[in-house]
Amino acid sequence: PYEGGHRVPFFIRWPAGDIPAGKKVDK
């Protein structure tokens, strides 16, 4: 249940949908 057990990366890309490259979501 500590952070290393369940926190994982989530990368999303969609150039035509105007998802900004390099943006970080901290919520």
PDB file of all heavy atoms in Angstrom:
ATOM      1  N   PRO A   1       0.811  -1.219   0.000  1.00  0.00           N
ATOM      2  CA  PRO A   1       0.000   0.000   0.000  1.00  0.00           C
ATOM      3  C   PRO A   1       0.843   1.266   0.000  1.00  0.00           C
ATOM      4  O   PRO A   1       0.296   2.363  -0.137  1.00  0.00           O
ATOM      5  CB  PRO A   1      -0.812  -0.120   1.295  1.00  0.00           C
ATOM      6  CG  PRO A   1       0.053  -0.921   2.198  1.00  0.00           C
ATOM      7  CD  PRO A   1       0.779  -1.895   1.315  1.00  0.00           C
ATOM      8  N   TYR A   2       2.165   1.131   0.167  1.00  0.00           N
ATOM      9  CA  TYR A   2       3.028   2.297   0.030  1.00  0.00           C
ATOM     10  C   TYR A   2       3.099   2.698  -1.444  1.00  0.00           C
ATOM     11  O   TYR A   2       2.768   1.926  -2.352  1.00  0.00           O
ATOM     12  CB  TYR A   2       4.419   2.002   0.592  1.00  0.00           C
ATOM     13  CG  TYR A   2       4.434   1.765   2.077  1.00  0.00           C
ATOM     14  CD1 TYR A   2       4.760   0.515   2.598  1.00  0.00           C
ATOM     15  CD2 TYR A   2       4.089   2.778   2.978  1.00  0.00           C
ATOM     16  CE1 TYR A   2       4.768   0.277   3.969  1.00  0.00           C
ATOM     17  CE2 TYR A   2       4.090   2.553   4.347  1.00  0.00           C
ATOM     18  CZ  TYR A   2       4.428   1.305   4.837  1.00  0.00           C
ATOM     19  OH  TYR A   2       4.417   1.066   6.193  1.00  0.00           O
ATOM     20  N   GLU A   3       3.578   3.897  -1.679  1.00  0.00           N
ATOM     21  CA  GLU A   3       3.508   4.502  -3.011  1.00  0.00           C
ATOM     22  C   GLU A   3       4.141   3.640  -4.102  1.00  0.00           C
ATOM     23  O   GLU A   3       3.639   3.562  -5.223  1.00  0.00           O
ATOM     24  CB  GLU A   3       4.179   5.878  -2.964  1.00  0.00           C
ATOM     25  CG  GLU A   3       3.689   6.843  -4.017  1.00  0.00           C
ATOM     26  CD  GLU A   3       2.326   7.435  -3.697  1.00  0.00           C
ATOM     27  OE1 GLU A   3       1.658   6.968  -2.737  1.00  0.00           O
ATOM     28  OE2 GLU A   3       1.918   8.364  -4.412  1.00  0.00           O
ATOM     29  N   GLY A   4       5.261   2.982  -3.782  1.00  0.00           N
ATOM     30  CA  GLY A   4       5.937   2.159  -4.775  1.00  0.00           C
ATOM     31  C   GLY A   4       5.164   0.927  -5.185  1.00  0.00           C
ATOM     32  O   GLY A   4       5.510   0.278  -6.171  1.00  0.00           O
ATOM     33  N   GLY A   5       4.107   0.597  -4.459  1.00  0.00           N
ATOM     34  CA  GLY A   5       3.308  -0.559  -4.813  1.00  0.00           C
ATOM     35  C   GLY A   5       2.259  -0.293  -5.863  1.00  0.00           C
ATOM     36  O   GLY A   5       1.862  -1.195  -6.598  1.00  0.00           O
ATOM     37  N   HIS A   6       1.809   0.970  -5.974  1.00  0.00           N
ATOM     38  CA  HIS A   6       0.667   1.229  -6.849  1.00  0.00           C
ATOM     39  C   HIS A   6       0.769   2.491  -7.684  1.00  0.00           C
ATOM     40  O   HIS A   6      -0.037   2.684  -8.591  1.00  0.00           O
ATOM     41  CB  HIS A   6      -0.624   1.305  -6.014  1.00  0.00           C
ATOM     42  CG  HIS A   6      -0.556   2.264  -4.866  1.00  0.00           C
ATOM     43  ND1 HIS A   6      -0.722   3.604  -5.021  1.00  0.00           N
ATOM     44  CD2 HIS A   6      -0.312   2.059  -3.542  1.00  0.00           C
ATOM     45  CE1 HIS A   6      -0.600   4.202  -3.845  1.00  0.00           C
ATOM     46  NE2 HIS A   6      -0.351   3.284  -2.924  1.00  0.00           N
ATOM     47  N   ARG A   7       1.736   3.357  -7.415  1.00  0.00           N
ATOM     48  CA  ARG A   7       1.856   4.551  -8.259  1.00  0.00           C
ATOM     49  C   ARG A   7       2.569   4.180  -9.553  1.00  0.00           C
ATOM     50  O   ARG A   7       3.650   3.592  -9.538  1.00  0.00           O
ATOM     51  CB  ARG A   7       2.633   5.646  -7.534  1.00  0.00           C
ATOM     52  CG  ARG A   7       2.693   6.930  -8.344  1.00  0.00           C
ATOM     53  CD  ARG A   7       3.233   8.090  -7.532  1.00  0.00           C
ATOM     54  NE  ARG A   7       3.273   9.310  -8.324  1.00  0.00           N
ATOM     55  CZ  ARG A   7       3.522  10.513  -7.825  1.00  0.00           C
ATOM     56  NH1 ARG A   7       3.745  10.662  -6.530  1.00  0.00           N
ATOM     57  NH2 ARG A   7       3.530  11.579  -8.597  1.00  0.00           N
ATOM     58  N   VAL A   8       1.964   4.534 -10.672  1.00  0.00           N
ATOM     59  CA  VAL A   8       2.479   4.110 -11.967  1.00  0.00           C
ATOM     60  C   VAL A   8       2.478   5.279 -12.955  1.00  0.00           C
ATOM     61  O   VAL A   8       1.772   6.271 -12.764  1.00  0.00           O
ATOM     62  CB  VAL A   8       1.621   2.963 -12.559  1.00  0.00           C
ATOM     63  CG1 VAL A   8       1.665   1.736 -11.658  1.00  0.00           C
ATOM     64  CG2 VAL A   8       0.185   3.405 -12.777  1.00  0.00           C
ATOM     65  N   PRO A   9       3.253   5.162 -14.013  1.00  0.00           N
ATOM     66  CA  PRO A   9       3.257   6.213 -15.036  1.00  0.00           C
ATOM     67  C   PRO A   9       2.006   6.145 -15.906  1.00  0.00           C
ATOM     68  O   PRO A   9       1.433   5.081 -16.123  1.00  0.00           O
ATOM     69  CB  PRO A   9       4.506   5.894 -15.869  1.00  0.00           C
ATOM     70  CG  PRO A   9       4.682   4.414 -15.715  1.00  0.00           C
ATOM     71  CD  PRO A   9       4.239   4.100 -14.321  1.00  0.00           C
ATOM     72  N   PHE A  10       1.582   7.314 -16.380  1.00  0.00           N
ATOM     73  CA  PHE A  10       0.513   7.397 -17.370  1.00  0.00           C
ATOM     74  C   PHE A  10       0.912   8.487 -18.349  1.00  0.00           C
ATOM     75  O   PHE A  10       0.910   9.671 -18.017  1.00  0.00           O
ATOM     76  CB  PHE A  10      -0.824   7.730 -16.705  1.00  0.00           C
ATOM     77  CG  PHE A  10      -1.979   7.800 -17.681  1.00  0.00           C
ATOM     78  CD1 PHE A  10      -2.786   6.699 -17.897  1.00  0.00           C
ATOM     79  CD2 PHE A  10      -2.259   8.968 -18.381  1.00  0.00           C
ATOM     80  CE1 PHE A  10      -3.850   6.755 -18.788  1.00  0.00           C
ATOM     81  CE2 PHE A  10      -3.313   9.033 -19.275  1.00  0.00           C
ATOM     82  CZ  PHE A  10      -4.119   7.922 -19.477  1.00  0.00           C
ATOM     83  N   PHE A  11       1.295   8.061 -19.547  1.00  0.00           N
ATOM     84  CA  PHE A  11       1.670   8.998 -20.607  1.00  0.00           C
ATOM     85  C   PHE A  11       0.580   8.984 -21.676  1.00  0.00           C
ATOM     86  O   PHE A  11       0.128   7.912 -22.091  1.00  0.00           O
ATOM     87  CB  PHE A  11       3.004   8.608 -21.242  1.00  0.00           C
ATOM     88  CG  PHE A  11       4.153   8.579 -20.284  1.00  0.00           C
ATOM     89  CD1 PHE A  11       4.673   7.376 -19.818  1.00  0.00           C
ATOM     90  CD2 PHE A  11       4.731   9.760 -19.832  1.00  0.00           C
ATOM     91  CE1 PHE A  11       5.737   7.347 -18.934  1.00  0.00           C
ATOM     92  CE2 PHE A  11       5.795   9.743 -18.948  1.00  0.00           C
ATOM     93  CZ  PHE A  11       6.300   8.534 -18.497  1.00  0.00           C
ATOM     94  N   ILE A  12       0.172  10.156 -22.124  1.00  0.00           N
ATOM     95  CA  ILE A  12      -0.849  10.245 -23.162  1.00  0.00           C
ATOM     96  C   ILE A  12      -0.400  11.255 -24.211  1.00  0.00           C
ATOM     97  O   ILE A  12       0.126  12.324 -23.875  1.00  0.00           O
ATOM     98  CB  ILE A  12      -2.228  10.634 -22.574  1.00  0.00           C
ATOM     99  CG1 ILE A  12      -3.291  10.668 -23.681  1.00  0.00           C
ATOM    100  CG2 ILE A  12      -2.179  11.940 -21.808  1.00  0.00           C
ATOM    101  CD1 ILE A  12      -4.717  10.751 -23.148  1.00  0.00           C
ATOM    102  N   ARG A  13      -0.591  10.907 -25.488  1.00  0.00           N
ATOM    103  CA  ARG A  13      -0.193  11.794 -26.596  1.00  0.00           C
ATOM    104  C   ARG A  13      -1.293  11.811 -27.646  1.00  0.00           C
ATOM    105  O   ARG A  13      -1.842  10.770 -28.009  1.00  0.00           O
ATOM    106  CB  ARG A  13       1.104  11.280 -27.233  1.00  0.00           C
ATOM    107  CG  ARG A  13       1.671  12.241 -28.285  1.00  0.00           C
ATOM    108  CD  ARG A  13       2.851  11.632 -29.029  1.00  0.00           C
ATOM    109  NE  ARG A  13       2.417  10.572 -29.908  1.00  0.00           N
ATOM    110  CZ  ARG A  13       3.212   9.597 -30.365  1.00  0.00           C
ATOM    111  NH1 ARG A  13       4.471   9.537 -29.968  1.00  0.00           N
ATOM    112  NH2 ARG A  13       2.747   8.679 -31.186  1.00  0.00           N
ATOM    113  N   TRP A  14      -1.595  13.020 -28.104  1.00  0.00           N
ATOM    114  CA  TRP A  14      -2.580  13.209 -29.179  1.00  0.00           C
ATOM    115  C   TRP A  14      -2.321  14.571 -29.810  1.00  0.00           C
ATOM    116  O   TRP A  14      -2.953  15.561 -29.466  1.00  0.00           O
ATOM    117  CB  TRP A  14      -4.002  13.114 -28.631  1.00  0.00           C
ATOM    118  CG  TRP A  14      -5.079  13.159 -29.677  1.00  0.00           C
ATOM    119  CD1 TRP A  14      -4.974  12.859 -31.001  1.00  0.00           C
ATOM    120  CD2 TRP A  14      -6.453  13.527 -29.456  1.00  0.00           C
ATOM    121  NE1 TRP A  14      -6.181  13.008 -31.632  1.00  0.00           N
ATOM    122  CE2 TRP A  14      -7.108  13.413 -30.707  1.00  0.00           C
ATOM    123  CE3 TRP A  14      -7.175  13.921 -28.345  1.00  0.00           C
ATOM    124  CZ2 TRP A  14      -8.469  13.703 -30.855  1.00  0.00           C
ATOM    125  CZ3 TRP A  14      -8.532  14.208 -28.493  1.00  0.00           C
ATOM    126  CH2 TRP A  14      -9.164  14.095 -29.732  1.00  0.00           C
ATOM    127  N   PRO A  15      -1.408  14.645 -30.748  1.00  0.00           N
ATOM    128  CA  PRO A  15      -1.070  15.946 -31.351  1.00  0.00           C
ATOM    129  C   PRO A  15      -2.263  16.664 -31.971  1.00  0.00           C
ATOM    130  O   PRO A  15      -2.435  17.870 -31.772  1.00  0.00           O
ATOM    131  CB  PRO A  15      -0.019  15.580 -32.411  1.00  0.00           C
ATOM    132  CG  PRO A  15       0.597  14.310 -31.897  1.00  0.00           C
ATOM    133  CD  PRO A  15      -0.529  13.572 -31.240  1.00  0.00           C
ATOM    134  N   ALA A  16      -3.104  15.933 -32.709  1.00  0.00           N
ATOM    135  CA  ALA A  16      -4.254  16.577 -33.358  1.00  0.00           C
ATOM    136  C   ALA A  16      -5.304  17.025 -32.353  1.00  0.00           C
ATOM    137  O   ALA A  16      -6.149  17.862 -32.670  1.00  0.00           O
ATOM    138  CB  ALA A  16      -4.882  15.624 -34.382  1.00  0.00           C
ATOM    139  N   GLY A  17      -5.255  16.487 -31.148  1.00  0.00           N
ATOM    140  CA  GLY A  17      -6.198  16.878 -30.108  1.00  0.00           C
ATOM    141  C   GLY A  17      -5.660  17.961 -29.209  1.00  0.00           C
ATOM    142  O   GLY A  17      -6.259  18.270 -28.173  1.00  0.00           O
ATOM    143  N   ASP A  18      -4.497  18.516 -29.591  1.00  0.00           N
ATOM    144  CA  ASP A  18      -3.896  19.645 -28.863  1.00  0.00           C
ATOM    145  C   ASP A  18      -3.494  19.304 -27.426  1.00  0.00           C
ATOM    146  O   ASP A  18      -3.475  20.187 -26.558  1.00  0.00           O
ATOM    147  CB  ASP A  18      -4.838  20.860 -28.861  1.00  0.00           C
ATOM    148  CG  ASP A  18      -5.092  21.402 -30.259  1.00  0.00           C
ATOM    149  OD1 ASP A  18      -4.143  21.375 -31.067  1.00  0.00           O
ATOM    150  OD2 ASP A  18      -6.221  21.834 -30.542  1.00  0.00           O
ATOM    151  N   ILE A  19      -3.185  18.045 -27.162  1.00  0.00           N
ATOM    152  CA  ILE A  19      -2.605  17.717 -25.862  1.00  0.00           C
ATOM    153  C   ILE A  19      -1.187  18.271 -25.840  1.00  0.00           C
ATOM    154  O   ILE A  19      -0.365  17.931 -26.689  1.00  0.00           O
ATOM    155  CB  ILE A  19      -2.593  16.194 -25.625  1.00  0.00           C
ATOM    156  CG1 ILE A  19      -4.022  15.684 -25.447  1.00  0.00           C
ATOM    157  CG2 ILE A  19      -1.747  15.838 -24.409  1.00  0.00           C
ATOM    158  CD1 ILE A  19      -4.132  14.194 -25.184  1.00  0.00           C
ATOM    159  N   PRO A  20      -0.877  19.156 -24.917  1.00  0.00           N
ATOM    160  CA  PRO A  20       0.444  19.807 -24.939  1.00  0.00           C
ATOM    161  C   PRO A  20       1.566  18.846 -24.560  1.00  0.00           C
ATOM    162  O   PRO A  20       1.480  18.130 -23.559  1.00  0.00           O
ATOM    163  CB  PRO A  20       0.297  20.924 -23.896  1.00  0.00           C
ATOM    164  CG  PRO A  20      -0.798  20.466 -22.982  1.00  0.00           C
ATOM    165  CD  PRO A  20      -1.732  19.650 -23.815  1.00  0.00           C
ATOM    166  N   ALA A  21       2.605  18.821 -25.354  1.00  0.00           N
ATOM    167  CA  ALA A  21       3.757  17.962 -25.082  1.00  0.00           C
ATOM    168  C   ALA A  21       4.483  18.432 -23.828  1.00  0.00           C
ATOM    169  O   ALA A  21       4.644  19.627 -23.593  1.00  0.00           O
ATOM    170  CB  ALA A  21       4.714  17.970 -26.269  1.00  0.00           C
ATOM    171  N   GLY A  22       4.878  17.493 -23.007  1.00  0.00           N
ATOM    172  CA  GLY A  22       5.677  17.815 -21.833  1.00  0.00           C
ATOM    173  C   GLY A  22       4.895  18.281 -20.624  1.00  0.00           C
ATOM    174  O   GLY A  22       5.488  18.544 -19.574  1.00  0.00           O
ATOM    175  N   LYS A  23       3.590  18.403 -20.747  1.00  0.00           N
ATOM    176  CA  LYS A  23       2.804  18.867 -19.604  1.00  0.00           C
ATOM    177  C   LYS A  23       2.747  17.796 -18.521  1.00  0.00           C
ATOM    178  O   LYS A  23       2.600  16.610 -18.813  1.00  0.00           O
ATOM    179  CB  LYS A  23       1.382  19.229 -20.040  1.00  0.00           C
ATOM    180  CG  LYS A  23       0.524  19.716 -18.872  1.00  0.00           C
ATOM    181  CD  LYS A  23      -0.864  20.127 -19.307  1.00  0.00           C
ATOM    182  CE  LYS A  23      -1.693  20.593 -18.111  1.00  0.00           C
ATOM    183  NZ  LYS A  23      -3.043  21.018 -18.497  1.00  0.00           N
ATOM    184  N   LYS A  24       2.827  18.223 -17.268  1.00  0.00           N
ATOM    185  CA  LYS A  24       2.747  17.319 -16.132  1.00  0.00           C
ATOM    186  C   LYS A  24       1.487  17.607 -15.332  1.00  0.00           C
ATOM    187  O   LYS A  24       1.214  18.756 -14.987  1.00  0.00           O
ATOM    188  CB  LYS A  24       3.978  17.471 -15.233  1.00  0.00           C
ATOM    189  CG  LYS A  24       3.975  16.554 -14.017  1.00  0.00           C
ATOM    190  CD  LYS A  24       5.233  16.754 -13.188  1.00  0.00           C
ATOM    191  CE  LYS A  24       5.221  15.865 -11.945  1.00  0.00           C
ATOM    192  NZ  LYS A  24       6.437  16.054 -11.120  1.00  0.00           N
ATOM    193  N   VAL A  25       0.719  16.572 -15.050  1.00  0.00           N
ATOM    194  CA  VAL A  25      -0.481  16.693 -14.213  1.00  0.00           C
ATOM    195  C   VAL A  25      -0.104  16.265 -12.805  1.00  0.00           C
ATOM    196  O   VAL A  25       0.341  15.137 -12.592  1.00  0.00           O
ATOM    197  CB  VAL A  25      -1.626  15.812 -14.753  1.00  0.00           C
ATOM    198  CG1 VAL A  25      -2.797  15.797 -13.792  1.00  0.00           C
ATOM    199  CG2 VAL A  25      -2.066  16.308 -16.130  1.00  0.00           C
ATOM    200  N   ASP A  26      -0.276  17.160 -11.839  1.00  0.00           N
ATOM    201  CA  ASP A  26       0.155  16.846 -10.475  1.00  0.00           C
ATOM    202  C   ASP A  26      -1.004  16.515  -9.539  1.00  0.00           C
ATOM    203  O   ASP A  26      -0.804  16.323  -8.342  1.00  0.00           O
ATOM    204  CB  ASP A  26       0.993  17.988  -9.889  1.00  0.00           C
ATOM    205  CG  ASP A  26       0.241  19.308  -9.858  1.00  0.00           C
ATOM    206  OD1 ASP A  26      -0.966  19.310 -10.175  1.00  0.00           O
ATOM    207  OD2 ASP A  26       0.859  20.332  -9.516  1.00  0.00           O
ATOM    208  N   LYS A  27      -2.219  16.442 -10.061  1.00  0.00           N
ATOM    209  CA  LYS A  27      -3.361  16.054  -9.246  1.00  0.00           C
ATOM    210  C   LYS A  27      -3.436  14.526  -9.182  1.00  0.00           C
ATOM    211  O   LYS A  27      -3.025  13.826 -10.112  1.00  0.00           O
ATOM    212  CB  LYS A  27      -4.662  16.606  -9.819  1.00  0.00           C
ATOM    213  CG  LYS A  27      -4.694  18.120  -9.964  1.00  0.00           C
ATOM    214  CD  LYS A  27      -4.640  18.809  -8.611  1.00  0.00           C
ATOM    215  CE  LYS A  27      -4.779  20.322  -8.768  1.00  0.00           C
ATOM    216  NZ  LYS A  27      -4.701  21.017  -7.466  1.00  0.00           N
TER     217      LYS A  27
END
